[in-house]
Amino acid sequence: MTRLASLLLAFALVGPACAQLPVAELAAGMHVIRAEVADSMGSRMEGLMHRTSMAEGSGMVFVFEENALHCMWMKNTLIPLSVAFIDEAGAIINIADMQPHSEQSHCAARPARYALEMNKGWFAQRGIKPGAKLRGVEKLAPR
C-alpha cells in the first residue's frame, strides 16, 4: 500500500471520531460556558470519552428528545467531571460529581431535558446550585 493510500485509510477510519460537534454558548449567572452540543444518539453515546483534558469554561451539553430520568456514567472517560441535570426551562435539578472510568450511574432527581458536563468542581467553585437557571438552553433542540 502506498503512503498516500495509508494516510487516506487512516483518515477515513479516524475522521468520524474527530468530527467537530456544534458549540453553544450557555451562561450560569455571570459565568459563560462554551458547550459542545451532543444532540444525536451517537454524540450522546460518545460524550467526552477518551479525552485527556477539557478547557476551563468548556463543557458538553447533552440534549435529550424527551424529559426523562436520564443517567450518565464515565466508562472510557479519562477526566473527572461534574454533571448538572437541567429541566426544560433551564433550571438545574441536581448536580453530581463523577469519577473517571466509573460505570456508576448518576441520574437526574426528576425528569430532565438536558445534562451539562463540566470539569469536576466547576459548579461548586462558582456557587452554582440546584435551582439556578442556565441561559441559552432554549436554543437547543435534538437532531
Protein backbone atom coordinates (compact mmCIF):
# COMPACT_ATOMS: atom_id res chain seq x y z
CA MET A 1 0.00 0.00 0.00
CA THR A 2 1.36 3.41 -0.87
CA ARG A 3 1.97 6.01 1.77
CA LEU A 4 -0.84 8.20 0.39
CA ALA A 5 -3.29 5.29 0.43
CA SER A 6 -2.28 4.52 4.03
CA LEU A 7 -2.89 8.13 5.06
CA LEU A 8 -6.28 8.22 3.33
CA LEU A 9 -7.30 4.96 5.00
CA ALA A 10 -6.21 6.29 8.41
CA PHE A 11 -8.17 9.50 7.86
CA ALA A 12 -11.27 7.56 6.80
CA LEU A 13 -11.10 5.45 9.95
CA VAL A 14 -10.31 8.28 12.37
CA GLY A 15 -12.16 11.14 10.70
CA PRO A 16 -15.66 10.43 12.04
CA ALA A 17 -14.38 10.08 15.61
CA CYS A 18 -12.75 13.52 15.36
CA ALA A 19 -15.80 15.24 13.87
CA GLN A 20 -16.44 18.63 15.41
CA LEU A 21 -19.65 18.99 17.36
CA PRO A 22 -21.63 22.23 17.21
CA VAL A 23 -20.91 24.63 20.08
CA ALA A 24 -23.49 26.58 22.07
CA GLU A 25 -22.87 29.49 24.40
CA LEU A 26 -24.64 28.97 27.71
CA ALA A 27 -24.48 31.09 30.85
CA ALA A 28 -24.94 30.47 34.56
CA GLY A 29 -25.17 33.84 36.24
CA MET A 30 -22.11 35.79 35.05
CA HIS A 31 -20.27 32.60 34.01
CA VAL A 32 -20.13 31.90 30.27
CA ILE A 33 -19.91 28.28 29.16
CA ARG A 34 -18.69 27.12 25.76
CA ALA A 35 -20.54 23.80 25.45
CA GLU A 36 -20.19 21.24 22.71
CA VAL A 37 -23.67 20.05 21.81
CA ALA A 38 -24.32 16.29 21.94
CA ASP A 39 -27.78 16.20 20.38
CA SER A 40 -27.81 12.93 18.45
CA MET A 41 -27.78 9.35 19.71
CA GLY A 42 -24.19 8.87 18.50
CA SER A 43 -22.79 12.06 20.02
CA ARG A 44 -24.58 11.41 23.34
CA MET A 45 -23.18 7.87 23.45
CA GLU A 46 -19.61 9.09 22.75
CA GLY A 47 -19.82 12.09 25.09
CA LEU A 48 -16.42 13.08 26.47
CA MET A 49 -14.93 9.58 26.21
CA HIS A 50 -11.19 9.26 25.55
CA ARG A 51 -10.41 12.95 26.10
CA THR A 52 -7.44 13.79 28.29
CA SER A 53 -8.47 17.35 29.20
CA MET A 54 -11.13 19.99 28.77
CA ALA A 55 -10.53 23.74 28.67
CA GLU A 56 -11.69 25.84 31.63
CA GLY A 57 -15.19 27.17 30.99
CA SER A 58 -15.84 24.49 28.39
CA GLY A 59 -18.20 21.56 28.67
CA MET A 60 -20.63 19.33 26.86
CA VAL A 61 -24.40 19.70 26.91
CA PHE A 62 -26.45 16.60 26.20
CA VAL A 63 -29.80 17.34 24.56
CA PHE A 64 -32.39 14.60 25.00
CA GLU A 65 -35.51 14.09 22.89
CA GLU A 66 -37.75 13.88 25.94
CA ASN A 67 -37.98 14.73 29.60
CA ALA A 68 -36.99 11.60 31.49
CA LEU A 69 -34.86 10.34 34.37
CA HIS A 70 -31.67 10.36 32.31
CA CYS A 71 -28.49 8.88 33.77
CA MET A 72 -24.81 9.41 32.96
CA TRP A 73 -21.71 7.27 33.56
CA MET A 74 -17.99 7.58 32.96
CA LYS A 75 -16.95 4.43 31.11
CA ASN A 76 -13.90 5.27 28.95
CA THR A 77 -13.91 8.85 30.26
CA LEU A 78 -10.48 9.94 31.43
CA ILE A 79 -11.18 13.23 33.22
CA PRO A 80 -13.22 13.82 36.40
CA LEU A 81 -16.46 15.65 35.67
CA SER A 82 -19.46 17.23 37.36
CA VAL A 83 -22.83 16.82 35.67
CA ALA A 84 -25.83 19.11 36.12
CA PHE A 85 -29.22 17.74 35.12
CA ILE A 86 -31.41 20.53 33.74
CA ASP A 87 -35.15 20.82 33.11
CA GLU A 88 -36.87 22.24 30.00
CA ALA A 89 -36.93 25.74 31.49
CA GLY A 90 -33.15 25.70 32.08
CA ALA A 91 -33.27 25.18 35.87
CA ILE A 92 -30.64 22.89 37.39
CA ILE A 93 -32.33 19.91 39.03
CA ASN A 94 -29.30 18.30 40.68
CA ILE A 95 -25.52 18.12 40.29
CA ALA A 96 -23.31 15.03 40.70
CA ASP A 97 -19.54 14.60 40.72
CA MET A 98 -18.29 11.69 38.61
CA GLN A 99 -15.02 9.77 38.68
CA PRO A 100 -13.06 8.68 35.58
CA HIS A 101 -13.57 5.11 34.31
CA SER A 102 -16.56 4.54 36.61
CA GLU A 103 -19.64 2.64 35.47
CA GLN A 104 -21.65 4.03 38.40
CA SER A 105 -24.84 5.72 37.17
CA HIS A 106 -25.55 9.32 38.14
CA CYS A 107 -29.19 10.16 37.47
CA ALA A 108 -31.49 13.15 37.37
CA ALA A 109 -33.52 13.54 40.57
CA ARG A 110 -36.61 14.22 38.42
CA PRO A 111 -37.24 14.28 34.67
CA ALA A 112 -34.59 16.29 32.82
CA ARG A 113 -34.26 17.52 29.23
CA TYR A 114 -30.54 18.35 29.34
CA ALA A 115 -27.33 17.36 31.12
CA LEU A 116 -24.27 19.62 31.25
CA GLU A 117 -20.86 18.09 31.96
CA MET A 118 -18.08 20.39 33.16
CA ASN A 119 -14.70 19.79 34.80
CA LYS A 120 -15.22 18.35 38.29
CA GLY A 121 -15.98 21.05 40.85
CA TRP A 122 -16.81 23.74 38.28
CA PHE A 123 -20.35 24.30 39.61
CA ALA A 124 -19.33 24.19 43.31
CA GLN A 125 -16.40 26.58 42.79
CA ARG A 126 -18.82 29.16 41.39
CA GLY A 127 -21.60 28.62 43.92
CA ILE A 128 -23.94 27.28 41.24
CA LYS A 129 -26.52 25.02 42.88
CA PRO A 130 -29.80 23.27 42.07
CA GLY A 131 -32.46 25.83 41.21
CA ALA A 132 -30.02 28.08 39.31
CA LYS A 133 -31.15 28.86 35.75
CA LEU A 134 -28.94 28.43 32.69
CA ARG A 135 -29.39 30.81 29.80
CA GLY A 136 -29.09 29.53 26.24
CA VAL A 137 -30.70 26.10 26.59
CA GLU A 138 -33.85 27.37 24.89
CA LYS A 139 -31.88 27.45 21.60
CA LEU A 140 -31.02 23.72 21.84
CA ALA A 141 -33.06 21.03 20.13
CA PRO A 142 -32.21 17.39 19.41
CA ARG A 143 -31.36 16.42 15.83
